[in-house]
PDB file of N, CA and C in Angstrom:
ATOM      1  N   MET A   1     129.402 -32.752  33.071  1.00  0.00           N
ATOM      2  CA  MET A   1     128.154 -32.174  32.300  1.00  0.00           C
ATOM      3  C   MET A   1     127.207 -32.571  33.013  1.00  0.00           C
ATOM      4  N   SER A   2     126.397 -32.133  32.979  1.00  0.00           N
ATOM      5  CA  SER A   2     125.728 -31.518  33.990  1.00  0.00           C
ATOM      6  C   SER A   2     123.841 -31.774  33.846  1.00  0.00           C
ATOM      7  N   ASN A   3     123.435 -32.392  33.817  1.00  0.00           N
ATOM      8  CA  ASN A   3     122.111 -33.062  33.532  1.00  0.00           C
ATOM      9  C   ASN A   3     121.244 -32.402  31.976  1.00  0.00           C
ATOM     10  N   GLU A   4     121.903 -31.108  32.951  1.00  0.00           N
ATOM     11  CA  GLU A   4     120.412 -29.754  30.924  1.00  0.00           C
ATOM     12  C   GLU A   4     121.496 -29.948  30.368  1.00  0.00           C
ATOM     13  N   GLY A   5     122.583 -30.614  29.885  1.00  0.00           N
ATOM     14  CA  GLY A   5     124.208 -30.427  28.804  1.00  0.00           C
ATOM     15  C   GLY A   5     123.087 -32.137  28.128  1.00  0.00           C
ATOM     16  N   ASN A   6     123.176 -33.183  29.113  1.00  0.00           N
ATOM     17  CA  ASN A   6     122.850 -34.270  29.225  1.00  0.00           C
ATOM     18  C   ASN A   6     121.685 -34.178  27.832  1.00  0.00           C
ATOM     19  N   ASN A   7     120.592 -33.641  28.961  1.00  0.00           N
ATOM     20  CA  ASN A   7     119.444 -33.690  28.371  1.00  0.00           C
ATOM     21  C   ASN A   7     119.529 -33.038  26.599  1.00  0.00           C
ATOM     22  N   ILE A   8     120.748 -32.288  26.692  1.00  0.00           N
ATOM     23  CA  ILE A   8     120.777 -31.199  24.899  1.00  0.00           C
ATOM     24  C   ILE A   8     121.244 -32.016  23.959  1.00  0.00           C
ATOM     25  N   VAL A   9     121.383 -32.872  24.718  1.00  0.00           N
ATOM     26  CA  VAL A   9     123.239 -33.430  23.462  1.00  0.00           C
ATOM     27  C   VAL A   9     121.654 -34.503  23.237  1.00  0.00           C
ATOM     28  N   TYR A  10     121.363 -35.071  23.995  1.00  0.00           N
ATOM     29  CA  TYR A  10     119.802 -36.486  23.605  1.00  0.00           C
ATOM     30  C   TYR A  10     119.276 -35.937  22.771  1.00  0.00           C
ATOM     31  N   GLY A  11     118.150 -34.545  23.860  1.00  0.00           N
ATOM     32  CA  GLY A  11     117.694 -34.021  22.327  1.00  0.00           C
ATOM     33  C   GLY A  11     117.683 -33.874  20.489  1.00  0.00           C
ATOM     34  N   VAL A  12     119.127 -33.718  20.753  1.00  0.00           N
ATOM     35  CA  VAL A  12     120.466 -32.904  19.768  1.00  0.00           C
ATOM     36  C   VAL A  12     119.596 -34.717  18.706  1.00  0.00           C
ATOM     37  N   SER A  13     120.262 -35.039  19.224  1.00  0.00           N
ATOM     38  CA  SER A  13     120.760 -36.395  18.835  1.00  0.00           C
ATOM     39  C   SER A  13     119.722 -37.131  18.645  1.00  0.00           C
ATOM     40  N   ALA A  14     118.158 -37.295  19.219  1.00  0.00           N
ATOM     41  CA  ALA A  14     117.067 -37.566  18.824  1.00  0.00           C
ATOM     42  C   ALA A  14     116.305 -37.113  17.211  1.00  0.00           C
ATOM     43  N   THR A  15     116.857 -35.598  17.285  1.00  0.00           N
ATOM     44  CA  THR A  15     115.896 -34.118  16.854  1.00  0.00           C
ATOM     45  C   THR A  15     116.893 -34.688  15.035  1.00  0.00           C
ATOM     46  N   LEU A  16     118.093 -35.302  15.285  1.00  0.00           N
ATOM     47  CA  LEU A  16     119.140 -35.514  14.051  1.00  0.00           C
ATOM     48  C   LEU A  16     118.275 -37.036  13.667  1.00  0.00           C
ATOM     49  N   ALA A  17     118.383 -37.737  14.465  1.00  0.00           N
ATOM     50  CA  ALA A  17     118.102 -39.525  14.515  1.00  0.00           C
ATOM     51  C   ALA A  17     116.456 -39.607  13.353  1.00  0.00           C
ATOM     52  N   PHE A  18     115.597 -38.014  14.276  1.00  0.00           N
ATOM     53  CA  PHE A  18     113.877 -38.526  13.526  1.00  0.00           C
ATOM     54  C   PHE A  18     114.474 -37.395  11.758  1.00  0.00           C
ATOM     55  N   LEU A  19     115.529 -36.769  11.608  1.00  0.00           N
ATOM     56  CA  LEU A  19     115.329 -36.140  10.590  1.00  0.00           C
ATOM     57  C   LEU A  19     115.682 -37.035   8.958  1.00  0.00           C
ATOM     58  N   THR A  20     116.984 -37.381  10.201  1.00  0.00           N
ATOM     59  CA  THR A  20     117.690 -38.424   8.980  1.00  0.00           C
ATOM     60  C   THR A  20     116.810 -39.728   8.807  1.00  0.00           C
ATOM     61  N   ALA A  21     116.092 -39.818   9.636  1.00  0.00           N
ATOM     62  CA  ALA A  21     115.064 -41.458   9.087  1.00  0.00           C
ATOM     63  C   ALA A  21     113.854 -40.513   8.162  1.00  0.00           C
ATOM     64  N   GLY A  22     113.934 -39.235   8.816  1.00  0.00           N
ATOM     65  CA  GLY A  22     113.241 -38.541   7.364  1.00  0.00           C
ATOM     66  C   GLY A  22     113.096 -37.881   5.837  1.00  0.00           C
ATOM     67  N   ALA A  23     114.516 -37.597   6.507  1.00  0.00           N
ATOM     68  CA  ALA A  23     115.019 -37.633   4.829  1.00  0.00           C
ATOM     69  C   ALA A  23     115.475 -38.849   4.302  1.00  0.00           C
ATOM     70  N   VAL A  24     115.237 -39.802   4.524  1.00  0.00           N
ATOM     71  CA  VAL A  24     115.658 -41.254   3.636  1.00  0.00           C
ATOM     72  C   VAL A  24     114.294 -41.628   3.546  1.00  0.00           C
ATOM     73  N   ASP A  25     112.997 -41.782   4.485  1.00  0.00           N
ATOM     74  CA  ASP A  25     112.263 -42.084   3.685  1.00  0.00           C
ATOM     75  C   ASP A  25     111.517 -41.488   2.764  1.00  0.00           C
ATOM     76  N   ALA A  26     111.827 -39.168   2.791  1.00  0.00           N
ATOM     77  CA  ALA A  26     111.947 -38.753   1.694  1.00  0.00           C
ATOM     78  C   ALA A  26     112.161 -39.570   0.386  1.00  0.00           C
ATOM     79  N   HIS A  27     113.663 -39.610   0.858  1.00  0.00           N
ATOM     80  CA  HIS A  27     114.203 -40.166  -0.628  1.00  0.00           C
ATOM     81  C   HIS A  27     114.274 -41.177  -1.183  1.00  0.00           C
ATOM     82  N   GLU A  28     113.233 -42.048  -0.279  1.00  0.00           N
ATOM     83  CA  GLU A  28     113.388 -43.422  -1.116  1.00  0.00           C
ATOM     84  C   GLU A  28     111.581 -43.222  -2.203  1.00  0.00           C
ATOM     85  N   ARG A  29     110.826 -42.690  -1.382  1.00  0.00           N
ATOM     86  CA  ARG A  29     109.918 -41.486  -1.781  1.00  0.00           C
ATOM     87  C   ARG A  29     109.657 -41.403  -2.950  1.00  0.00           C
ATOM     88  N   GLY A  30     111.220 -39.895  -3.548  1.00  0.00           N
ATOM     89  CA  GLY A  30     111.180 -39.501  -4.053  1.00  0.00           C
ATOM     90  C   GLY A  30     111.563 -40.987  -5.602  1.00  0.00           C
ATOM     91  N   MET A  31     112.670 -41.363  -5.469  1.00  0.00           N
ATOM     92  CA  MET A  31     113.141 -42.220  -5.691  1.00  0.00           C
ATOM     93  C   MET A  31     112.012 -43.812  -6.343  1.00  0.00           C
ATOM     94  N   ALA A  32     110.727 -43.914  -5.724  1.00  0.00           N
ATOM     95  CA  ALA A  32     110.293 -44.603  -6.122  1.00  0.00           C
ATOM     96  C   ALA A  32     108.905 -43.933  -7.285  1.00  0.00           C
ATOM     97  N   ALA A  33     109.009 -42.761  -6.949  1.00  0.00           N
ATOM     98  CA  ALA A  33     108.238 -41.476  -7.870  1.00  0.00           C
ATOM     99  C   ALA A  33     109.247 -41.616  -8.834  1.00  0.00           C
ATOM    100  N   LEU A  34     110.088 -41.253  -9.465  1.00  0.00           N
ATOM    101  CA  LEU A  34     110.962 -41.576  -9.581  1.00  0.00           C
ATOM    102  C   LEU A  34     110.536 -42.303 -11.232  1.00  0.00           C
ATOM    103  N   ARG A  35     111.001 -44.026 -10.481  1.00  0.00           N
ATOM    104  CA  ARG A  35     110.373 -44.844 -10.609  1.00  0.00           C
ATOM    105  C   ARG A  35     109.209 -45.111 -11.356  1.00  0.00           C
ATOM    106  N   GLU A  36     108.321 -44.706 -11.246  1.00  0.00           N
ATOM    107  CA  GLU A  36     107.029 -44.434 -11.912  1.00  0.00           C
ATOM    108  C   GLU A  36     106.740 -44.043 -13.185  1.00  0.00           C
ATOM    109  N   ALA A  37     107.934 -42.458 -12.825  1.00  0.00           N
ATOM    110  CA  ALA A  37     107.168 -41.482 -13.330  1.00  0.00           C
ATOM    111  C   ALA A  37     108.170 -42.425 -15.279  1.00  0.00           C
ATOM    112  N   ARG A  38     108.996 -43.522 -14.945  1.00  0.00           N
ATOM    113  CA  ARG A  38     110.038 -43.946 -15.678  1.00  0.00           C
ATOM    114  C   ARG A  38     109.854 -45.003 -16.195  1.00  0.00           C
ATOM    115  N   GLN A  39     109.130 -46.126 -15.469  1.00  0.00           N
ATOM    116  CA  GLN A  39     107.909 -46.914 -15.936  1.00  0.00           C
ATOM    117  C   GLN A  39     106.921 -46.742 -16.733  1.00  0.00           C
ATOM    118  N   ALA A  40     106.232 -45.940 -16.028  1.00  0.00           N
ATOM    119  CA  ALA A  40     104.825 -45.011 -17.200  1.00  0.00           C
ATOM    120  C   ALA A  40     105.340 -44.857 -18.606  1.00  0.00           C
ATOM    121  N   GLU A  41     105.906 -44.090 -18.749  1.00  0.00           N
ATOM    122  CA  GLU A  41     107.074 -43.043 -19.903  1.00  0.00           C
ATOM    123  C   GLU A  41     107.531 -44.147 -21.005  1.00  0.00           C
ATOM    124  N   ALA A  42     108.180 -45.338 -20.171  1.00  0.00           N
ATOM    125  CA  ALA A  42     108.136 -46.150 -21.129  1.00  0.00           C
ATOM    126  C   ALA A  42     107.303 -47.560 -21.502  1.00  0.00           C
ATOM    127  N   ASP A  43     106.016 -47.309 -20.633  1.00  0.00           N
ATOM    128  CA  ASP A  43     104.567 -48.136 -21.663  1.00  0.00           C
ATOM    129  C   ASP A  43     103.910 -46.449 -22.331  1.00  0.00           C
ATOM    130  N   ALA A  44     104.058 -45.417 -21.827  1.00  0.00           N
ATOM    131  CA  ALA A  44     103.487 -45.109 -22.979  1.00  0.00           C
ATOM    132  C   ALA A  44     104.160 -45.508 -24.409  1.00  0.00           C
ATOM    133  N   ARG A  45     105.857 -45.271 -24.373  1.00  0.00           N
ATOM    134  CA  ARG A  45     106.000 -45.322 -25.089  1.00  0.00           C
ATOM    135  C   ARG A  45     106.038 -47.075 -26.003  1.00  0.00           C
ATOM    136  N   TYR A  46     106.134 -47.906 -24.743  1.00  0.00           N
ATOM    137  CA  TYR A  46     105.329 -49.657 -25.529  1.00  0.00           C
ATOM    138  C   TYR A  46     104.050 -49.482 -26.328  1.00  0.00           C
ATOM    139  N   TYR A  47     103.619 -47.964 -25.643  1.00  0.00           N
ATOM    140  CA  TYR A  47     101.844 -48.506 -26.107  1.00  0.00           C
ATOM    141  C   TYR A  47     102.160 -48.040 -27.338  1.00  0.00           C
ATOM    142  N   ASP A  48     102.416 -46.914 -27.736  1.00  0.00           N
ATOM    143  CA  ASP A  48     102.067 -46.068 -28.494  1.00  0.00           C
ATOM    144  C   ASP A  48     103.087 -47.166 -30.080  1.00  0.00           C
ATOM    145  N   ALA A  49     103.636 -47.568 -30.066  1.00  0.00           N
ATOM    146  CA  ALA A  49     104.444 -48.787 -30.545  1.00  0.00           C
ATOM    147  C   ALA A  49     103.967 -49.522 -31.080  1.00  0.00           C
ATOM    148  N   VAL A  50     103.212 -50.708 -30.558  1.00  0.00           N
ATOM    149  CA  VAL A  50     101.640 -50.694 -30.410  1.00  0.00           C
ATOM    150  C   VAL A  50     100.888 -50.585 -31.350  1.00  0.00           C
ATOM    151  N   ASP A  51     100.456 -49.208 -31.067  1.00  0.00           N
ATOM    152  CA  ASP A  51      99.834 -48.993 -32.139  1.00  0.00           C
ATOM    153  C   ASP A  51      99.873 -48.281 -33.634  1.00  0.00           C
ATOM    154  N   GLN A  52     100.970 -47.445 -34.023  1.00  0.00           N
ATOM    155  CA  GLN A  52     101.418 -48.020 -35.030  1.00  0.00           C
ATOM    156  C   GLN A  52     101.597 -49.016 -35.523  1.00  0.00           C
ATOM    157  N   LEU A  53     102.216 -50.175 -35.015  1.00  0.00           N
ATOM    158  CA  LEU A  53     102.406 -51.419 -35.516  1.00  0.00           C
ATOM    159  C   LEU A  53     100.389 -51.710 -36.025  1.00  0.00           C
ATOM    160  N   GLU A  54     100.041 -51.415 -35.231  1.00  0.00           N
ATOM    161  CA  GLU A  54      98.399 -51.857 -35.719  1.00  0.00           C
ATOM    162  C   GLU A  54      98.034 -51.253 -36.615  1.00  0.00           C
ATOM    163  N   LEU A  55      98.804 -50.097 -36.939  1.00  0.00           N
ATOM    164  CA  LEU A  55      97.832 -48.883 -37.852  1.00  0.00           C
ATOM    165  C   LEU A  55      99.016 -49.352 -38.840  1.00  0.00           C
ATOM    166  N   ASP A  56      99.819 -49.870 -39.286  1.00  0.00           N
ATOM    167  CA  ASP A  56     101.260 -50.056 -39.933  1.00  0.00           C
ATOM    168  C   ASP A  56     100.383 -51.328 -40.662  1.00  0.00           C
ATOM    169  N   TYR A  57     100.173 -52.476 -40.054  1.00  0.00           N
ATOM    170  CA  TYR A  57      98.991 -53.445 -40.214  1.00  0.00           C
ATOM    171  C   TYR A  57      97.724 -52.621 -41.425  1.00  0.00           C
ATOM    172  N   LYS A  58      97.225 -52.223 -41.061  1.00  0.00           N
ATOM    173  CA  LYS A  58      96.015 -52.638 -41.662  1.00  0.00           C
ATOM    174  C   LYS A  58      96.020 -51.355 -42.601  1.00  0.00           C
ATOM    175  N   VAL A  59      97.059 -50.073 -43.238  1.00  0.00           N
ATOM    176  CA  VAL A  59      97.251 -49.790 -43.899  1.00  0.00           C
ATOM    177  C   VAL A  59      98.217 -51.062 -45.499  1.00  0.00           C
ATOM    178  N   LEU A  60      99.081 -52.344 -44.473  1.00  0.00           N
ATOM    179  CA  LEU A  60      99.708 -52.718 -45.541  1.00  0.00           C
ATOM    180  C   LEU A  60      98.626 -53.980 -45.987  1.00  0.00           C
ATOM    181  N   SER A  61      97.783 -54.086 -45.347  1.00  0.00           N
ATOM    182  CA  SER A  61      96.436 -55.218 -45.185  1.00  0.00           C
ATOM    183  C   SER A  61      95.842 -54.593 -46.188  1.00  0.00           C
ATOM    184  N   ASP A  62      95.312 -53.488 -46.524  1.00  0.00           N
ATOM    185  CA  ASP A  62      94.520 -52.974 -47.285  1.00  0.00           C
ATOM    186  C   ASP A  62      95.183 -52.263 -48.651  1.00  0.00           C
ATOM    187  N   LEU A  63      96.646 -52.190 -48.821  1.00  0.00           N
ATOM    188  CA  LEU A  63      97.214 -52.276 -49.613  1.00  0.00           C
ATOM    189  C   LEU A  63      97.799 -53.608 -50.562  1.00  0.00           C
ATOM    190  N   THR A  64      97.591 -54.524 -49.318  1.00  0.00           N
ATOM    191  CA  THR A  64      97.919 -56.115 -50.407  1.00  0.00           C
ATOM    192  C   THR A  64      96.082 -56.453 -50.966  1.00  0.00           C
ATOM    193  N   ARG A  65      95.188 -55.848 -50.509  1.00  0.00           N
ATOM    194  CA  ARG A  65      94.114 -56.462 -51.092  1.00  0.00           C
ATOM    195  C   ARG A  65      94.165 -55.740 -52.211  1.00  0.00           C
ATOM    196  N   LYS A  66      94.483 -54.032 -52.481  1.00  0.00           N
ATOM    197  CA  LYS A  66      93.947 -53.538 -53.395  1.00  0.00           C
ATOM    198  C   LYS A  66      95.197 -53.905 -54.911  1.00  0.00           C
ATOM    199  N   LEU A  67      96.731 -54.145 -53.931  1.00  0.00           N
ATOM    200  CA  LEU A  67      97.568 -55.076 -55.104  1.00  0.00           C
ATOM    201  C   LEU A  67      97.153 -56.417 -55.721  1.00  0.00           C
ATOM    202  N   SER A  68      96.197 -56.994 -54.710  1.00  0.00           N
ATOM    203  CA  SER A  68      95.799 -58.136 -55.464  1.00  0.00           C
ATOM    204  C   SER A  68      95.063 -57.896 -56.204  1.00  0.00           C
ATOM    205  N   LYS A  69      93.952 -56.993 -56.224  1.00  0.00           N
ATOM    206  CA  LYS A  69      92.964 -57.460 -56.882  1.00  0.00           C
ATOM    207  C   LYS A  69      93.791 -56.559 -58.104  1.00  0.00           C
ATOM    208  N   GLU A  70      94.380 -55.051 -58.359  1.00  0.00           N
ATOM    209  CA  GLU A  70      94.933 -54.940 -59.072  1.00  0.00           C
ATOM    210  C   GLU A  70      95.534 -56.097 -60.169  1.00  0.00           C
ATOM    211  N   LEU A  71      95.998 -57.253 -59.144  1.00  0.00           N
ATOM    212  CA  LEU A  71      97.044 -57.455 -60.439  1.00  0.00           C
ATOM    213  C   LEU A  71      96.624 -58.811 -60.741  1.00  0.00           C
ATOM    214  N   ALA A  72      95.290 -59.638 -59.957  1.00  0.00           N
ATOM    215  CA  ALA A  72      93.934 -60.279 -61.229  1.00  0.00           C
ATOM    216  C   ALA A  72      93.635 -59.325 -62.219  1.00  0.00           C
ATOM    217  N   GLU A  73      93.254 -58.247 -62.442  1.00  0.00           N
ATOM    218  CA  GLU A  73      92.915 -57.361 -63.174  1.00  0.00           C
ATOM    219  C   GLU A  73      94.054 -57.167 -64.578  1.00  0.00           C
ATOM    220  N   GLU A  74      95.149 -57.084 -63.883  1.00  0.00           N
ATOM    221  CA  GLU A  74      95.925 -56.645 -65.144  1.00  0.00           C
ATOM    222  C   GLU A  74      96.339 -58.541 -65.992  1.00  0.00           C
ATOM    223  N   LYS A  75      95.983 -59.789 -65.270  1.00  0.00           N
ATOM    224  CA  LYS A  75      96.223 -60.937 -65.362  1.00  0.00           C
ATOM    225  C   LYS A  75      95.447 -61.245 -66.825  1.00  0.00           C
ATOM    226  N   ALA A  76      94.010 -61.216 -65.833  1.00  0.00           N
ATOM    227  CA  ALA A  76      92.834 -61.400 -66.508  1.00  0.00           C
ATOM    228  C   ALA A  76      93.048 -60.267 -68.144  1.00  0.00           C
ATOM    229  N   LYS A  77      93.408 -58.858 -68.318  1.00  0.00           N
ATOM    230  CA  LYS A  77      93.794 -57.957 -69.404  1.00  0.00           C
ATOM    231  C   LYS A  77      94.961 -58.901 -69.991  1.00  0.00           C
ATOM    232  N   ASN A  78      96.149 -59.206 -69.072  1.00  0.00           N
ATOM    233  CA  ASN A  78      96.625 -59.784 -69.984  1.00  0.00           C
ATOM    234  C   ASN A  78      96.671 -60.945 -71.160  1.00  0.00           C
ATOM    235  N   LYS A  79      96.231 -61.845 -69.991  1.00  0.00           N
ATOM    236  CA  LYS A  79      95.331 -62.905 -71.247  1.00  0.00           C
ATOM    237  C   LYS A  79      94.562 -62.969 -71.886  1.00  0.00           C
ATOM    238  N   SER A  80      93.089 -61.648 -72.018  1.00  0.00           N
ATOM    239  CA  SER A  80      92.347 -61.042 -72.720  1.00  0.00           C
ATOM    240  C   SER A  80      93.933 -61.074 -74.428  1.00  0.00           C
ATOM    241  N   LEU A  81      94.419 -59.547 -74.491  1.00  0.00           N
ATOM    242  CA  LEU A  81      95.291 -59.386 -74.818  1.00  0.00           C
ATOM    243  C   LEU A  81      96.242 -60.551 -75.820  1.00  0.00           C
ATOM    244  N   THR A  82      96.770 -61.273 -75.180  1.00  0.00           N
ATOM    245  CA  THR A  82      96.996 -62.585 -75.713  1.00  0.00           C
ATOM    246  C   THR A  82      96.499 -63.225 -76.594  1.00  0.00           C
ATOM    247  N   ALA A  83      95.438 -64.053 -76.179  1.00  0.00           N
ATOM    248  CA  ALA A  83      94.058 -64.647 -76.633  1.00  0.00           C
ATOM    249  C   ALA A  83      93.910 -63.818 -78.599  1.00  0.00           C
ATOM    250  N   ALA A  84      93.633 -62.697 -78.294  1.00  0.00           N
ATOM    251  CA  ALA A  84      93.383 -61.446 -79.043  1.00  0.00           C
ATOM    252  C   ALA A  84      94.261 -61.298 -79.980  1.00  0.00           C
ATOM    253  N   LEU A  85      95.752 -61.473 -79.583  1.00  0.00           N
ATOM    254  CA  LEU A  85      97.195 -61.353 -80.443  1.00  0.00           C
ATOM    255  C   LEU A  85      97.242 -62.732 -81.054  1.00  0.00           C
ATOM    256  N   ALA A  86      97.019 -64.084 -80.611  1.00  0.00           N
ATOM    257  CA  ALA A  86      97.124 -64.737 -80.734  1.00  0.00           C
ATOM    258  C   ALA A  86      95.964 -64.942 -82.370  1.00  0.00           C
ATOM    259  N   GLN A  87      94.800 -64.649 -82.350  1.00  0.00           N
ATOM    260  CA  GLN A  87      94.311 -64.587 -83.095  1.00  0.00           C
ATOM    261  C   GLN A  87      94.121 -63.754 -84.075  1.00  0.00           C
ATOM    262  N   ARG A  88      94.823 -62.241 -84.166  1.00  0.00           N
ATOM    263  CA  ARG A  88      95.164 -61.828 -85.192  1.00  0.00           C
ATOM    264  C   ARG A  88      96.665 -62.531 -86.031  1.00  0.00           C
ATOM    265  N   GLN A  89      97.049 -63.621 -85.039  1.00  0.00           N
ATOM    266  CA  GLN A  89      99.200 -63.434 -85.739  1.00  0.00           C
ATOM    267  C   GLN A  89      98.370 -64.808 -86.560  1.00  0.00           C
ATOM    268  N   ALA A  90      96.667 -65.625 -85.904  1.00  0.00           N
ATOM    269  CA  ALA A  90      96.356 -66.835 -86.815  1.00  0.00           C
ATOM    270  C   ALA A  90      95.849 -66.337 -88.439  1.00  0.00           C
ATOM    271  N   LEU A  91      95.668 -65.046 -88.065  1.00  0.00           N
ATOM    272  CA  LEU A  91      94.722 -64.129 -89.016  1.00  0.00           C
ATOM    273  C   LEU A  91      95.891 -64.107 -90.594  1.00  0.00           C
ATOM    274  N   ILE A  92      96.813 -62.964 -89.767  1.00  0.00           N
ATOM    275  CA  ILE A  92      97.882 -62.977 -90.438  1.00  0.00           C
ATOM    276  C   ILE A  92      98.227 -64.105 -91.608  1.00  0.00           C
ATOM    277  N   ASP A  93      98.659 -64.994 -90.373  1.00  0.00           N
ATOM    278  CA  ASP A  93      99.198 -66.300 -90.846  1.00  0.00           C
ATOM    279  C   ASP A  93      98.624 -67.240 -92.621  1.00  0.00           C
ATOM    280  N   GLN A  94      97.397 -66.892 -91.912  1.00  0.00           N
ATOM    281  CA  GLN A  94      96.408 -67.260 -93.025  1.00  0.00           C
ATOM    282  C   GLN A  94      96.595 -66.817 -94.655  1.00  0.00           C
ATOM    283  N   MET A  95      96.324 -65.047 -93.818  1.00  0.00           N
ATOM    284  CA  MET A  95      96.192 -64.348 -95.367  1.00  0.00           C
ATOM    285  C   MET A  95      97.734 -64.508 -95.918  1.00  0.00           C
ATOM    286  N   ARG A  96      98.538 -65.017 -95.376  1.00  0.00           N
ATOM    287  CA  ARG A  96      99.969 -65.385 -95.974  1.00  0.00           C
ATOM    288  C   ARG A  96      99.998 -66.178 -96.693  1.00  0.00           C
ATOM    289  N   ASN A  97      99.320 -67.608 -96.006  1.00  0.00           N
ATOM    290  CA  ASN A  97      98.948 -68.809 -97.334  1.00  0.00           C
ATOM    291  C   ASN A  97      98.517 -68.787 -98.362  1.00  0.00           C
ATOM    292  N   ARG A  98      98.075 -67.633 -98.355  1.00  0.00           N
ATOM    293  CA  ARG A  98      96.556 -67.659 -99.273  1.00  0.00           C
ATOM    294  C   ARG A  98      97.631 -67.204-100.639  1.00  0.00           C
ATOM    295  N   ALA A  99      98.245 -66.052-100.236  1.00  0.00           N
ATOM    296  CA  ALA A  99      98.801 -65.197-101.194  1.00  0.00           C
ATOM    297  C   ALA A  99      99.912 -65.702-102.078  1.00  0.00           C
TER     298      ALA A  99
END
């Protein structure tokens, strides 16, 4: 093979080496970008879930306070009605005993 032929072979080999290195580098950058995009998506889902939990906690806390207040009011009303019922029953018993 002539010197010119060797130069062509070396030139083609060098070009292929540079193209291969460039392709590998591009592939690695693409895979890194894909991993970053997936991680960003996972992070967004996580933060959305945390925000939803915080909202649920606030709603449940408000509901708990409201229901506790209602329960206390109902207990007071029940106590009052029980006392009134006891008074009426005592009055009825008194009237029966007189008769």
